[in-house]
Amino acid sequence: MAALWKAEKRRWVKPGTYATYVTLLNKHILPFFSQAEALTGESAQVLADAMLSSGLSIKTVKDCILVLRMIVKYGARQGAWPMLEMEVHYPAPTSLTSPMVLSRHDQKRLQTYLQEHFSFRNLGLLICLHGGLRIGEVCALQWQDLNLADGLIIVRKTIQRIYLADGDERENRLLIHSPKTASSFREVPLEKSLLRLLRPLKKVVLPHYYVLTNGPEPLEPRTYRDYFHRLMRQLGLPPLRFHGLRHSFATRCIESKCDYKTVSVILGHASIATTLNLYVHPGTEEKKRCVERMVRGLGY
């Protein structure tokens, strides 16, 4: 049934998504069920517990459970088994995790360094800080995607490396394709300091060259992610995922009283709920101001 599901899914999802599904299926799900006696409503919880006990992250476990549920639903539609309800409970975090966003102080430090130490890679980090682009989107950005006349970044493609090992099928290639979702096709405003930096550059670069390399070949996301982590360590800044630049952008927008719908559109989300649930992280100062406003409202 898993093989039939793969063939069906391949028709509808992007190559990178398909490769991720197959990796999770072959590496975790199929080995587990080769030892399981039967597929039941409790199977997802048993799989999740086993994966967590082996040291895998909650994100990896949740991704596996998502794939398992899709296969179970597909099998039920094909009449292979009855529809199964698979509820999974995950352990509560036992400690504070690494920050999802930069504090205002750390963001100012990073931004100042990037502005004072120009390189094309640092320019890309500034674009992410000021526009919330994903790493694949900024790696795929070409000079022709920067519309300086209207002050816009045109986001219309992304880049990722595809790893696929499925039976005799082997694939390892860098793929440039359309963005994550239909909402991800978007226009992102260029703020004034970026415009001032870009205008003299745009006069001397070739339109089809990639921004991060200023050359005909793009920079691979994995390489750019490594560069970012090295820079953060060099500056003595807290460890942060590259995606934290996008989180920081969204959080700063909300802190600046931008309306949620506009922030959601700039980020390329189909739903405002995604913006609020995943990308808005009130910091300590915001929390303090919230409590102070509450107290003032009570007249204390």
Protein backbone atom coordinates (compact mmCIF):
# COMPACT_ATOMS: atom_id res chain seq x y z
CA MET A 1 0.00 0.00 0.00
CA ALA A 2 2.90 2.36 0.74
CA ALA A 3 4.18 1.86 -2.82
CA LEU A 4 0.77 2.76 -4.27
CA TRP A 5 0.56 5.82 -2.04
CA LYS A 6 4.01 6.97 -3.21
CA ALA A 7 3.03 6.66 -6.85
CA GLU A 8 -0.14 8.66 -6.23
CA LYS A 9 1.58 11.32 -4.13
CA ARG A 10 4.38 11.86 -6.62
CA ARG A 11 1.89 13.22 -9.13
CA TRP A 12 0.76 16.05 -6.88
CA VAL A 13 3.64 17.29 -4.73
CA LYS A 14 6.91 19.04 -5.50
CA PRO A 15 10.02 16.86 -5.97
CA GLY A 16 11.56 18.11 -2.73
CA THR A 17 8.43 17.30 -0.74
CA TYR A 18 8.22 13.85 -2.33
CA ALA A 19 11.88 13.15 -1.50
CA THR A 20 11.25 14.13 2.15
CA TYR A 21 8.20 11.85 2.38
CA VAL A 22 10.10 8.91 0.89
CA THR A 23 13.07 9.39 3.21
CA LEU A 24 10.84 9.39 6.29
CA LEU A 25 8.92 6.39 5.00
CA ASN A 26 11.96 4.26 4.19
CA LYS A 27 14.10 5.29 7.15
CA HIS A 28 11.57 5.23 9.97
CA ILE A 29 8.04 4.10 9.14
CA LEU A 30 8.57 0.93 7.09
CA PRO A 31 11.28 -0.50 9.41
CA PHE A 32 8.96 0.02 12.39
CA PHE A 33 5.96 -1.66 10.78
CA SER A 34 8.05 -4.58 9.54
CA GLN A 35 8.12 -5.60 13.22
CA ALA A 36 4.57 -4.55 14.13
CA GLU A 37 1.84 -7.17 14.35
CA ALA A 38 -0.99 -5.06 12.96
CA LEU A 39 -2.01 -1.52 12.05
CA THR A 40 -4.28 -0.09 14.75
CA GLY A 41 -5.45 3.26 16.01
CA GLU A 42 -2.66 3.14 18.60
CA SER A 43 0.07 2.46 16.03
CA ALA A 44 0.93 6.14 15.56
CA GLN A 45 1.44 6.66 19.30
CA VAL A 46 3.61 3.55 19.55
CA LEU A 47 5.70 4.72 16.57
CA ALA A 48 6.04 8.22 18.05
CA ASP A 49 7.13 6.86 21.44
CA ALA A 50 9.71 4.57 19.82
CA MET A 51 11.17 7.38 17.70
CA LEU A 52 11.36 9.78 20.63
CA SER A 53 13.04 7.11 22.77
CA SER A 54 15.68 6.70 20.06
CA GLY A 55 16.59 10.40 20.38
CA LEU A 56 14.85 11.81 17.30
CA SER A 57 13.52 15.35 17.48
CA ILE A 58 9.84 16.07 17.97
CA LYS A 59 9.76 17.75 14.55
CA THR A 60 11.05 14.59 12.82
CA VAL A 61 8.54 12.48 14.73
CA LYS A 62 5.67 14.79 13.82
CA ASP A 63 6.71 14.69 10.14
CA CYS A 64 6.70 10.88 10.25
CA ILE A 65 3.27 10.78 11.85
CA LEU A 66 1.98 13.12 9.13
CA VAL A 67 3.23 10.70 6.44
CA LEU A 68 1.78 7.71 8.31
CA ARG A 69 -1.63 9.37 8.56
CA MET A 70 -1.62 10.13 4.83
CA ILE A 71 -0.85 6.49 4.02
CA VAL A 72 -3.52 5.23 6.44
CA LYS A 73 -6.10 7.57 4.92
CA TYR A 74 -5.12 6.47 1.41
CA GLY A 75 -5.36 2.80 2.37
CA ALA A 76 -8.81 3.32 3.88
CA ARG A 77 -10.00 4.95 0.65
CA GLN A 78 -8.71 1.91 -1.25
CA GLY A 79 -10.51 -0.47 1.11
CA ALA A 80 -7.31 -1.99 2.50
CA TRP A 81 -8.40 -1.32 6.10
CA PRO A 82 -11.06 0.69 7.95
CA MET A 83 -10.53 4.38 8.60
CA LEU A 84 -8.43 4.65 11.76
CA GLU A 85 -8.35 7.57 14.15
CA MET A 86 -4.73 8.14 15.15
CA GLU A 87 -4.32 10.56 18.03
CA VAL A 88 -0.77 11.22 19.18
CA HIS A 89 0.40 12.91 22.38
CA TYR A 90 3.86 14.46 22.56
CA PRO A 91 5.88 15.20 25.68
CA ALA A 92 5.91 18.75 26.97
CA PRO A 93 9.25 20.56 26.59
CA THR A 94 11.39 20.16 29.70
CA SER A 95 13.57 23.24 29.15
CA LEU A 96 13.70 26.51 27.30
CA THR A 97 14.75 26.04 23.69
CA SER A 98 17.08 28.23 21.64
CA PRO A 99 15.52 31.59 20.74
CA MET A 100 13.32 31.63 17.66
CA VAL A 101 13.94 35.33 17.03
CA LEU A 102 16.67 37.88 17.55
CA SER A 103 16.19 40.35 20.36
CA ARG A 104 16.02 43.97 19.26
CA HIS A 105 19.54 44.52 20.62
CA ASP A 106 21.01 41.50 18.81
CA GLN A 107 19.18 42.32 15.59
CA LYS A 108 20.63 45.84 15.64
CA ARG A 109 24.14 44.40 16.20
CA LEU A 110 23.76 41.99 13.29
CA GLN A 111 22.25 44.61 11.00
CA THR A 112 25.02 47.12 11.77
CA TYR A 113 27.71 44.55 10.99
CA LEU A 114 26.05 43.56 7.70
CA GLN A 115 25.77 47.19 6.61
CA GLU A 116 29.39 47.98 7.52
CA HIS A 117 30.90 44.80 6.00
CA PHE A 118 29.47 44.53 2.51
CA SER A 119 29.51 41.24 0.65
CA PHE A 120 26.87 39.67 -1.55
CA ARG A 121 26.21 37.04 1.11
CA ASN A 122 25.76 39.73 3.75
CA LEU A 123 23.43 41.57 1.38
CA GLY A 124 21.27 38.44 1.27
CA LEU A 125 21.08 38.36 5.08
CA LEU A 126 19.97 42.00 5.09
CA ILE A 127 17.26 41.14 2.57
CA CYS A 128 16.04 38.33 4.83
CA LEU A 129 16.08 40.59 7.91
CA HIS A 130 14.15 43.33 6.08
CA GLY A 131 11.87 41.17 3.94
CA GLY A 132 11.36 37.81 5.62
CA LEU A 133 12.46 35.68 2.65
CA ARG A 134 13.03 31.95 3.13
CA ILE A 135 16.55 30.63 2.60
CA GLY A 136 15.63 28.90 -0.67
CA GLU A 137 14.01 32.08 -1.95
CA VAL A 138 17.00 34.32 -1.27
CA CYS A 139 19.40 31.73 -2.76
CA ALA A 140 17.30 31.71 -5.96
CA LEU A 141 17.08 35.51 -6.12
CA GLN A 142 18.50 37.08 -9.29
CA TRP A 143 19.20 40.76 -9.93
CA GLN A 144 16.32 40.83 -12.40
CA ASP A 145 13.99 39.97 -9.50
CA LEU A 146 14.77 43.33 -7.85
CA ASN A 147 12.45 46.01 -9.23
CA LEU A 148 14.10 49.16 -7.90
CA ALA A 149 11.82 51.48 -9.83
CA ASP A 150 8.84 50.28 -7.80
CA GLY A 151 10.92 49.30 -4.76
CA LEU A 152 9.96 45.62 -4.82
CA ILE A 153 11.51 42.16 -4.56
CA ILE A 154 9.68 39.76 -6.87
CA VAL A 155 9.65 36.32 -5.24
CA ARG A 156 8.90 33.72 -7.91
CA LYS A 157 11.26 30.78 -7.33
CA THR A 158 13.13 28.83 -4.69
CA ILE A 159 16.07 26.45 -4.66
CA GLN A 160 16.77 23.23 -2.77
CA ARG A 161 18.92 20.12 -3.01
CA ILE A 162 16.98 16.95 -3.64
CA TYR A 163 18.15 13.69 -2.05
CA LEU A 164 16.16 10.63 -3.02
CA ALA A 165 17.05 7.00 -2.29
CA ASP A 166 14.16 4.68 -3.06
CA GLY A 167 15.00 1.16 -4.19
CA ASP A 168 17.05 1.44 -7.35
CA GLU A 169 16.17 5.11 -7.75
CA ARG A 170 18.92 7.51 -6.70
CA GLU A 171 18.79 11.28 -7.12
CA ASN A 172 21.00 14.07 -5.81
CA ARG A 173 20.62 17.42 -7.55
CA LEU A 174 20.08 21.11 -7.00
CA LEU A 175 16.59 22.07 -8.11
CA ILE A 176 15.18 25.53 -8.85
CA HIS A 177 11.39 25.57 -8.96
CA SER A 178 8.34 27.63 -8.05
CA PRO A 179 7.93 28.78 -4.44
CA LYS A 180 6.46 26.71 -1.62
CA THR A 181 2.78 27.57 -2.26
CA ALA A 182 0.68 29.76 -4.55
CA SER A 183 0.69 32.43 -1.82
CA SER A 184 4.50 32.40 -1.86
CA PHE A 185 4.50 34.13 -5.26
CA ARG A 186 4.61 37.68 -3.99
CA GLU A 187 6.05 41.18 -4.06
CA VAL A 188 8.06 42.22 -1.01
CA PRO A 189 8.71 45.96 -0.46
CA LEU A 190 12.33 47.12 -0.34
CA GLU A 191 12.84 49.53 2.53
CA LYS A 192 14.79 52.75 1.94
CA SER A 193 18.22 51.77 3.29
CA LEU A 194 18.23 48.65 1.11
CA LEU A 195 17.20 50.67 -1.90
CA ARG A 196 20.12 53.08 -1.35
CA LEU A 197 22.49 50.12 -1.13
CA LEU A 198 21.10 48.38 -4.22
CA ARG A 199 20.80 51.27 -6.68
CA PRO A 200 24.53 51.64 -7.54
CA LEU A 201 24.94 47.85 -7.64
CA LYS A 202 22.04 47.34 -10.03
CA LYS A 203 23.75 49.59 -12.59
CA VAL A 204 26.78 47.30 -12.96
CA VAL A 205 25.46 43.74 -12.43
CA LEU A 206 24.02 41.35 -15.00
CA PRO A 207 20.26 40.77 -14.69
CA HIS A 208 20.45 36.96 -14.84
CA TYR A 209 23.22 36.68 -12.23
CA TYR A 210 22.31 35.47 -8.76
CA VAL A 211 22.42 38.06 -5.98
CA LEU A 212 24.30 35.95 -3.41
CA THR A 213 27.12 35.01 -5.79
CA ASN A 214 26.88 37.82 -8.36
CA GLY A 215 27.55 35.05 -10.82
CA PRO A 216 25.70 32.68 -13.17
CA GLU A 217 25.45 29.88 -10.58
CA PRO A 218 23.42 30.10 -7.36
CA LEU A 219 24.64 29.48 -3.84
CA GLU A 220 23.37 26.26 -2.30
CA PRO A 221 21.12 26.74 0.78
CA ARG A 222 23.24 24.35 2.86
CA THR A 223 26.36 26.41 2.13
CA TYR A 224 24.57 29.67 2.94
CA ARG A 225 23.20 28.23 6.19
CA ASP A 226 26.72 27.25 7.26
CA TYR A 227 27.96 30.76 6.46
CA PHE A 228 25.20 32.29 8.59
CA HIS A 229 25.97 30.07 11.59
CA ARG A 230 29.69 30.87 11.39
CA LEU A 231 28.92 34.59 11.25
CA MET A 232 26.65 34.39 14.30
CA ARG A 233 29.39 32.63 16.26
CA GLN A 234 31.97 35.18 15.07
CA LEU A 235 29.79 38.04 16.31
CA GLY A 236 29.07 36.32 19.62
CA LEU A 237 25.33 36.32 18.93
CA PRO A 238 22.97 33.63 20.30
CA PRO A 239 22.56 30.48 18.18
CA LEU A 240 19.69 30.94 15.76
CA ARG A 241 18.29 28.90 12.91
CA PHE A 242 18.50 30.68 9.54
CA HIS A 243 14.70 30.63 9.52
CA GLY A 244 14.92 32.77 12.66
CA LEU A 245 15.62 35.76 10.41
CA ARG A 246 12.16 35.29 8.94
CA HIS A 247 10.66 34.90 12.42
CA SER A 248 12.48 38.06 13.54
CA PHE A 249 11.11 40.03 10.58
CA ALA A 250 7.53 38.96 11.33
CA THR A 251 7.86 39.67 15.04
CA ARG A 252 9.34 43.14 14.49
CA CYS A 253 6.48 43.93 12.07
CA ILE A 254 3.85 42.98 14.64
CA GLU A 255 5.69 44.87 17.39
CA SER A 256 5.59 47.93 15.10
CA LYS A 257 1.77 47.65 14.97
CA CYS A 258 1.64 46.50 11.33
CA ASP A 259 -1.69 44.84 10.64
CA TYR A 260 -1.63 41.05 10.60
CA LYS A 261 -3.05 40.68 7.10
CA THR A 262 -0.30 42.80 5.54
CA VAL A 263 2.44 40.90 7.38
CA SER A 264 0.86 37.62 6.27
CA VAL A 265 0.86 38.71 2.61
CA ILE A 266 4.49 39.88 2.77
CA LEU A 267 5.53 36.52 4.23
CA GLY A 268 3.55 34.65 1.57
CA HIS A 269 1.16 32.88 3.92
CA ALA A 270 -2.23 31.65 2.77
CA SER A 271 -3.68 32.27 6.25
CA ILE A 272 -3.22 34.93 8.91
CA ALA A 273 -3.39 32.11 11.47
CA THR A 274 -0.09 30.74 10.14
CA THR A 275 1.56 34.11 10.70
CA LEU A 276 0.26 34.43 14.25
CA ASN A 277 0.80 30.84 15.34
CA LEU A 278 4.24 30.25 13.87
CA TYR A 279 5.98 33.57 13.27
CA VAL A 280 5.05 35.98 16.03
CA HIS A 281 7.14 35.67 19.19
CA PRO A 282 6.64 38.40 21.79
CA GLY A 283 9.92 39.12 23.56
CA THR A 284 10.50 39.96 27.20
CA GLU A 285 10.05 43.70 26.66
CA GLU A 286 6.79 43.16 24.79
CA LYS A 287 5.53 40.96 27.63
CA LYS A 288 6.48 43.58 30.20
CA ARG A 289 4.68 46.31 28.26
CA CYS A 290 1.60 44.08 28.00
CA VAL A 291 1.52 43.56 31.77
CA GLU A 292 2.08 47.28 32.41
CA ARG A 293 -0.82 48.20 30.10
CA MET A 294 -3.04 45.70 31.91
CA VAL A 295 -2.16 47.22 35.32
CA ARG A 296 -2.69 50.79 34.07
CA GLY A 297 -6.05 49.71 32.69
CA LEU A 298 -7.09 48.61 36.18
CA GLY A 299 -6.22 52.06 37.51
CA TYR A 300 -3.48 50.94 39.91
